[in-house]
N, C-alpha and C. Protein backbone atom coordinates (compact mmCIF):
# COMPACT_ATOMS: atom_id res chain seq x y z
N UNK A 1 4.85 11.05 5.92
CA UNK A 1 5.25 11.98 4.89
C UNK A 1 4.52 11.59 3.60
N UNK A 2 3.92 12.57 2.94
CA UNK A 2 3.20 12.27 1.69
C UNK A 2 4.14 11.70 0.63
N UNK A 3 3.59 10.86 -0.22
CA UNK A 3 4.39 10.15 -1.22
C UNK A 3 5.12 11.11 -2.15
N UNK A 4 4.48 12.19 -2.57
CA UNK A 4 5.14 13.13 -3.48
C UNK A 4 6.35 13.80 -2.81
N UNK A 5 6.25 14.02 -1.51
CA UNK A 5 7.38 14.59 -0.77
C UNK A 5 8.53 13.58 -0.72
N UNK A 6 8.21 12.29 -0.53
CA UNK A 6 9.24 11.25 -0.53
C UNK A 6 9.94 11.20 -1.88
N UNK A 7 9.15 11.28 -2.95
CA UNK A 7 9.71 11.25 -4.30
C UNK A 7 10.66 12.43 -4.51
N UNK A 8 10.23 13.60 -4.06
CA UNK A 8 11.06 14.80 -4.22
C UNK A 8 12.38 14.66 -3.46
N UNK A 9 12.31 14.14 -2.23
CA UNK A 9 13.52 13.97 -1.42
C UNK A 9 14.46 12.93 -2.03
N UNK A 10 13.89 11.84 -2.57
CA UNK A 10 14.73 10.83 -3.22
C UNK A 10 15.41 11.40 -4.45
N UNK A 11 14.69 12.20 -5.23
CA UNK A 11 15.29 12.84 -6.41
C UNK A 11 16.45 13.75 -5.99
N UNK A 12 16.26 14.51 -4.92
CA UNK A 12 17.32 15.39 -4.44
C UNK A 12 18.53 14.59 -3.96
N UNK A 13 18.27 13.47 -3.29
CA UNK A 13 19.36 12.63 -2.81
C UNK A 13 20.14 12.02 -3.97
N UNK A 14 19.42 11.64 -5.02
CA UNK A 14 20.08 11.09 -6.21
C UNK A 14 20.96 12.15 -6.86
N UNK A 15 20.43 13.37 -6.96
CA UNK A 15 21.21 14.46 -7.54
C UNK A 15 22.48 14.70 -6.73
N UNK A 16 22.36 14.66 -5.40
CA UNK A 16 23.52 14.87 -4.54
C UNK A 16 24.55 13.76 -4.73
N UNK A 17 24.09 12.52 -4.85
CA UNK A 17 25.01 11.40 -5.07
C UNK A 17 25.68 11.51 -6.44
N UNK A 18 24.91 11.91 -7.45
CA UNK A 18 25.50 12.08 -8.79
C UNK A 18 26.56 13.18 -8.76
N UNK A 19 26.30 14.24 -8.01
CA UNK A 19 27.27 15.32 -7.90
C UNK A 19 28.53 14.83 -7.19
N UNK A 20 28.36 13.99 -6.17
CA UNK A 20 29.51 13.43 -5.45
C UNK A 20 30.37 12.59 -6.40
N UNK A 21 29.72 11.81 -7.24
CA UNK A 21 30.46 10.98 -8.21
C UNK A 21 31.16 11.86 -9.23
N UNK A 22 30.48 12.91 -9.69
CA UNK A 22 31.10 13.83 -10.64
C UNK A 22 32.31 14.53 -10.02
N UNK A 23 32.22 14.83 -8.72
CA UNK A 23 33.36 15.44 -8.02
C UNK A 23 34.57 14.50 -8.04
N UNK A 24 34.34 13.22 -7.91
CA UNK A 24 35.45 12.25 -7.98
C UNK A 24 36.10 12.30 -9.36
N UNK A 25 35.25 12.38 -10.41
CA UNK A 25 35.81 12.48 -11.76
C UNK A 25 36.65 13.75 -11.90
N UNK A 26 36.12 14.86 -11.41
CA UNK A 26 36.83 16.13 -11.51
C UNK A 26 38.17 16.09 -10.76
N UNK A 27 38.20 15.30 -9.70
CA UNK A 27 39.42 15.17 -8.91
C UNK A 27 40.40 14.19 -9.56
N UNK A 28 40.01 13.63 -10.70
CA UNK A 28 40.89 12.72 -11.42
C UNK A 28 40.82 11.29 -10.92
N UNK A 29 39.80 10.96 -10.14
CA UNK A 29 39.65 9.61 -9.63
C UNK A 29 38.51 8.91 -10.36
N UNK A 30 38.67 7.61 -10.52
CA UNK A 30 37.62 6.82 -11.17
C UNK A 30 36.72 6.23 -10.08
N UNK A 31 35.43 6.52 -10.13
CA UNK A 31 34.53 5.95 -9.12
C UNK A 31 34.50 4.43 -9.21
N UNK A 32 34.39 3.80 -8.05
CA UNK A 32 34.34 2.35 -7.98
C UNK A 32 32.91 1.90 -7.73
N UNK A 33 32.73 0.58 -7.69
CA UNK A 33 31.40 0.01 -7.46
C UNK A 33 30.76 0.56 -6.19
N UNK A 34 31.55 0.66 -5.14
CA UNK A 34 31.02 1.15 -3.86
C UNK A 34 30.51 2.58 -3.97
N UNK A 35 31.09 3.35 -4.87
CA UNK A 35 30.64 4.73 -5.05
C UNK A 35 29.23 4.78 -5.65
N UNK A 36 28.86 3.76 -6.38
CA UNK A 36 27.55 3.73 -7.04
C UNK A 36 26.49 3.00 -6.22
N UNK A 37 26.90 2.34 -5.14
CA UNK A 37 25.96 1.52 -4.36
C UNK A 37 24.79 2.34 -3.82
N UNK A 38 25.07 3.50 -3.24
CA UNK A 38 24.01 4.33 -2.65
C UNK A 38 23.09 4.89 -3.73
N UNK A 39 23.66 5.32 -4.84
CA UNK A 39 22.80 5.86 -5.90
C UNK A 39 21.89 4.76 -6.47
N UNK A 40 22.39 3.54 -6.55
CA UNK A 40 21.55 2.43 -7.01
C UNK A 40 20.41 2.16 -6.03
N UNK A 41 20.71 2.21 -4.73
CA UNK A 41 19.68 2.01 -3.71
C UNK A 41 18.62 3.10 -3.79
N UNK A 42 19.06 4.34 -3.95
CA UNK A 42 18.13 5.46 -4.05
C UNK A 42 17.25 5.35 -5.29
N UNK A 43 17.83 4.93 -6.39
CA UNK A 43 17.05 4.78 -7.62
C UNK A 43 16.00 3.68 -7.48
N UNK A 44 16.34 2.59 -6.81
CA UNK A 44 15.35 1.53 -6.57
C UNK A 44 14.21 2.05 -5.70
N UNK A 45 14.56 2.80 -4.66
CA UNK A 45 13.54 3.36 -3.76
C UNK A 45 12.65 4.35 -4.52
N UNK A 46 13.26 5.17 -5.37
CA UNK A 46 12.49 6.13 -6.16
C UNK A 46 11.54 5.42 -7.11
N UNK A 47 12.02 4.38 -7.76
CA UNK A 47 11.17 3.61 -8.67
C UNK A 47 9.98 3.02 -7.93
N UNK A 48 10.24 2.48 -6.75
CA UNK A 48 9.18 1.89 -5.94
C UNK A 48 8.14 2.94 -5.54
N UNK A 49 8.60 4.10 -5.11
CA UNK A 49 7.68 5.17 -4.73
C UNK A 49 6.84 5.65 -5.91
N UNK A 50 7.47 5.74 -7.08
CA UNK A 50 6.72 6.17 -8.27
C UNK A 50 5.68 5.13 -8.67
N UNK A 51 6.02 3.86 -8.56
CA UNK A 51 5.06 2.80 -8.87
C UNK A 51 3.87 2.91 -7.92
N UNK A 52 4.14 3.08 -6.62
CA UNK A 52 3.06 3.19 -5.65
C UNK A 52 2.21 4.43 -5.90
N UNK A 53 2.84 5.53 -6.28
CA UNK A 53 2.09 6.76 -6.57
C UNK A 53 1.17 6.55 -7.77
N UNK A 54 1.66 5.83 -8.78
CA UNK A 54 0.83 5.54 -9.95
C UNK A 54 -0.35 4.65 -9.57
N UNK A 55 -0.09 3.63 -8.76
CA UNK A 55 -1.17 2.75 -8.31
C UNK A 55 -2.22 3.53 -7.53
N UNK A 56 -1.77 4.41 -6.63
CA UNK A 56 -2.71 5.20 -5.85
C UNK A 56 -3.53 6.13 -6.73
N UNK A 57 -2.91 6.69 -7.75
CA UNK A 57 -3.63 7.60 -8.65
C UNK A 57 -4.69 6.86 -9.46
N UNK A 58 -4.42 5.60 -9.78
CA UNK A 58 -5.35 4.82 -10.59
C UNK A 58 -6.40 4.10 -9.76
N UNK A 59 -6.20 4.04 -8.44
CA UNK A 59 -7.10 3.28 -7.57
C UNK A 59 -8.50 3.87 -7.59
N UNK A 60 -9.48 3.00 -7.78
CA UNK A 60 -10.88 3.43 -7.74
C UNK A 60 -11.56 2.96 -6.46
N UNK A 61 -11.11 1.82 -5.92
CA UNK A 61 -11.65 1.32 -4.66
C UNK A 61 -10.81 1.88 -3.52
N UNK A 62 -11.41 2.06 -2.35
CA UNK A 62 -10.61 2.57 -1.23
C UNK A 62 -9.54 1.56 -0.82
N UNK A 63 -8.45 2.06 -0.34
CA UNK A 63 -7.35 1.22 0.12
C UNK A 63 -7.77 0.50 1.40
N UNK A 64 -7.59 -0.80 1.42
CA UNK A 64 -7.93 -1.60 2.59
C UNK A 64 -6.67 -1.76 3.43
N UNK A 65 -6.43 -0.80 4.32
CA UNK A 65 -5.18 -0.81 5.06
C UNK A 65 -5.36 -0.96 6.57
N UNK A 66 -6.57 -1.16 7.02
CA UNK A 66 -6.82 -1.37 8.44
C UNK A 66 -7.33 -2.79 8.65
N UNK A 67 -6.97 -3.37 9.78
CA UNK A 67 -7.31 -4.76 10.05
C UNK A 67 -7.83 -4.89 11.47
N UNK A 68 -8.78 -5.77 11.66
CA UNK A 68 -9.20 -6.16 12.99
C UNK A 68 -9.60 -7.62 12.93
N UNK A 69 -9.72 -8.26 14.07
CA UNK A 69 -10.07 -9.67 14.07
C UNK A 69 -11.27 -9.91 14.97
N UNK A 70 -11.98 -10.96 14.66
CA UNK A 70 -13.16 -11.35 15.41
C UNK A 70 -13.08 -12.85 15.62
N UNK A 71 -13.31 -13.29 16.83
CA UNK A 71 -13.32 -14.72 17.10
C UNK A 71 -14.76 -15.22 17.01
N UNK A 72 -14.93 -16.35 16.32
CA UNK A 72 -16.23 -16.99 16.18
C UNK A 72 -16.07 -18.47 16.51
N UNK A 73 -17.20 -19.11 16.78
CA UNK A 73 -17.14 -20.55 17.05
C UNK A 73 -16.86 -21.29 15.75
N UNK A 74 -16.50 -22.54 15.87
CA UNK A 74 -16.24 -23.34 14.68
C UNK A 74 -17.50 -23.48 13.83
N UNK A 75 -18.65 -23.63 14.49
CA UNK A 75 -19.92 -23.76 13.76
C UNK A 75 -20.23 -22.47 12.98
N UNK A 76 -20.00 -21.32 13.61
CA UNK A 76 -20.24 -20.04 12.93
C UNK A 76 -19.29 -19.88 11.75
N UNK A 77 -18.04 -20.27 11.97
CA UNK A 77 -17.05 -20.18 10.90
C UNK A 77 -17.46 -21.05 9.71
N UNK A 78 -17.89 -22.27 10.01
CA UNK A 78 -18.31 -23.19 8.94
C UNK A 78 -19.49 -22.61 8.16
N UNK A 79 -20.44 -21.99 8.86
CA UNK A 79 -21.58 -21.37 8.18
C UNK A 79 -21.12 -20.22 7.28
N UNK A 80 -20.24 -19.38 7.83
CA UNK A 80 -19.72 -18.27 7.03
C UNK A 80 -18.96 -18.77 5.81
N UNK A 81 -18.19 -19.83 5.98
CA UNK A 81 -17.43 -20.39 4.88
C UNK A 81 -18.35 -20.92 3.79
N UNK A 82 -19.42 -21.59 4.17
CA UNK A 82 -20.38 -22.12 3.19
C UNK A 82 -21.06 -20.98 2.44
N UNK A 83 -21.44 -19.94 3.16
CA UNK A 83 -22.08 -18.79 2.51
C UNK A 83 -21.11 -18.14 1.53
N UNK A 84 -19.87 -17.95 1.98
CA UNK A 84 -18.85 -17.32 1.13
C UNK A 84 -18.60 -18.16 -0.12
N UNK A 85 -18.46 -19.46 0.05
CA UNK A 85 -18.23 -20.33 -1.11
C UNK A 85 -19.42 -20.28 -2.06
N UNK A 86 -20.64 -20.23 -1.51
CA UNK A 86 -21.84 -20.15 -2.34
C UNK A 86 -21.88 -18.86 -3.16
N UNK A 87 -21.32 -17.80 -2.61
CA UNK A 87 -21.30 -16.51 -3.33
C UNK A 87 -20.04 -16.33 -4.17
N UNK A 88 -19.12 -17.27 -4.05
CA UNK A 88 -17.88 -17.19 -4.83
C UNK A 88 -16.91 -16.15 -4.34
N UNK A 89 -16.89 -15.89 -3.02
CA UNK A 89 -15.97 -14.93 -2.44
C UNK A 89 -15.26 -15.58 -1.26
N UNK A 90 -14.25 -14.91 -0.73
CA UNK A 90 -13.62 -15.43 0.48
C UNK A 90 -14.33 -14.84 1.70
N UNK A 91 -14.00 -15.36 2.87
CA UNK A 91 -14.70 -14.92 4.09
C UNK A 91 -14.48 -13.43 4.35
N UNK A 92 -13.29 -12.92 4.09
CA UNK A 92 -13.03 -11.49 4.31
C UNK A 92 -13.95 -10.63 3.47
N UNK A 93 -14.09 -10.98 2.19
CA UNK A 93 -14.97 -10.21 1.32
C UNK A 93 -16.43 -10.32 1.77
N UNK A 94 -16.82 -11.49 2.22
CA UNK A 94 -18.18 -11.69 2.71
C UNK A 94 -18.45 -10.80 3.91
N UNK A 95 -17.58 -10.85 4.90
CA UNK A 95 -17.77 -10.06 6.12
C UNK A 95 -17.72 -8.57 5.79
N UNK A 96 -16.78 -8.17 4.95
CA UNK A 96 -16.67 -6.76 4.55
C UNK A 96 -17.97 -6.30 3.91
N UNK A 97 -18.55 -7.13 3.04
CA UNK A 97 -19.82 -6.79 2.41
C UNK A 97 -20.96 -6.70 3.41
N UNK A 98 -20.97 -7.61 4.38
CA UNK A 98 -22.02 -7.57 5.42
C UNK A 98 -21.91 -6.28 6.24
N UNK A 99 -20.69 -5.90 6.57
CA UNK A 99 -20.50 -4.67 7.34
C UNK A 99 -20.99 -3.47 6.54
N UNK A 100 -20.61 -3.42 5.27
CA UNK A 100 -21.04 -2.29 4.43
C UNK A 100 -22.56 -2.24 4.30
N UNK A 101 -23.19 -3.39 4.07
CA UNK A 101 -24.65 -3.42 3.96
C UNK A 101 -25.30 -2.92 5.24
N UNK A 102 -24.79 -3.35 6.37
CA UNK A 102 -25.35 -2.93 7.65
C UNK A 102 -25.15 -1.42 7.85
N UNK A 103 -23.95 -0.92 7.57
CA UNK A 103 -23.69 0.50 7.75
C UNK A 103 -24.55 1.36 6.83
N UNK A 104 -24.70 0.92 5.58
CA UNK A 104 -25.54 1.69 4.64
C UNK A 104 -26.99 1.68 5.10
N UNK A 105 -27.45 0.55 5.64
CA UNK A 105 -28.82 0.47 6.13
C UNK A 105 -29.00 1.43 7.30
N UNK A 106 -28.02 1.54 8.17
CA UNK A 106 -28.09 2.46 9.30
C UNK A 106 -28.15 3.91 8.82
N UNK A 107 -27.31 4.24 7.86
CA UNK A 107 -27.26 5.61 7.36
C UNK A 107 -28.56 5.99 6.67
N UNK A 108 -29.13 5.07 5.93
CA UNK A 108 -30.36 5.34 5.20
C UNK A 108 -31.61 5.16 6.06
N UNK A 109 -31.42 4.75 7.31
CA UNK A 109 -32.55 4.61 8.21
C UNK A 109 -33.39 3.36 7.96
N UNK A 110 -32.87 2.41 7.22
CA UNK A 110 -33.63 1.20 6.90
C UNK A 110 -33.44 0.13 7.95
N UNK A 111 -32.46 0.25 8.79
CA UNK A 111 -32.19 -0.80 9.75
C UNK A 111 -31.98 -0.25 11.13
N UNK A 112 -32.06 -1.09 12.09
CA UNK A 112 -31.81 -0.74 13.47
C UNK A 112 -30.55 -1.45 13.92
N UNK A 113 -29.86 -0.87 14.86
CA UNK A 113 -28.68 -1.53 15.41
C UNK A 113 -29.16 -2.63 16.33
N UNK A 114 -29.01 -3.86 15.88
CA UNK A 114 -29.49 -5.01 16.65
C UNK A 114 -28.35 -5.70 17.38
N UNK A 115 -27.13 -5.06 17.30
CA UNK A 115 -25.90 -5.56 17.85
C UNK A 115 -26.02 -6.16 19.15
C-alpha cells in the first residue's frame, strides 16, 4: 500500500477514535487511560509514516532496499578489505561501486561481459 494511502487511513482511524471518545463524553462518562491507548498508538504510527514520507521526498539517492550475498575466499576478502580501506569506504560501498562501474561500461559499450 502506498505511503500516502497509509497516512490517509491512519488519519481516518484517529478521527474515528476521537469520535468514539467524544461519544463517551456525550454519554456522561469520563474516558479512562485505556480509552486513549489506541488513539496514542495510531498517532505514533501516523507520525512514523509522515517522517518516512518526508525522508522519501527528500531522498536524492536511490533507496538501497535489496540485498544479496556472495561468498569469497579469505584471500579475496582480505584484498577487497585493503582496497576498501585504501579508498576510505566499506566493502559494501566498494562492491556496489564496482557493480555500477561494470554496468555503466556495459551500457555504454566500453566493456565486455567477462563474467
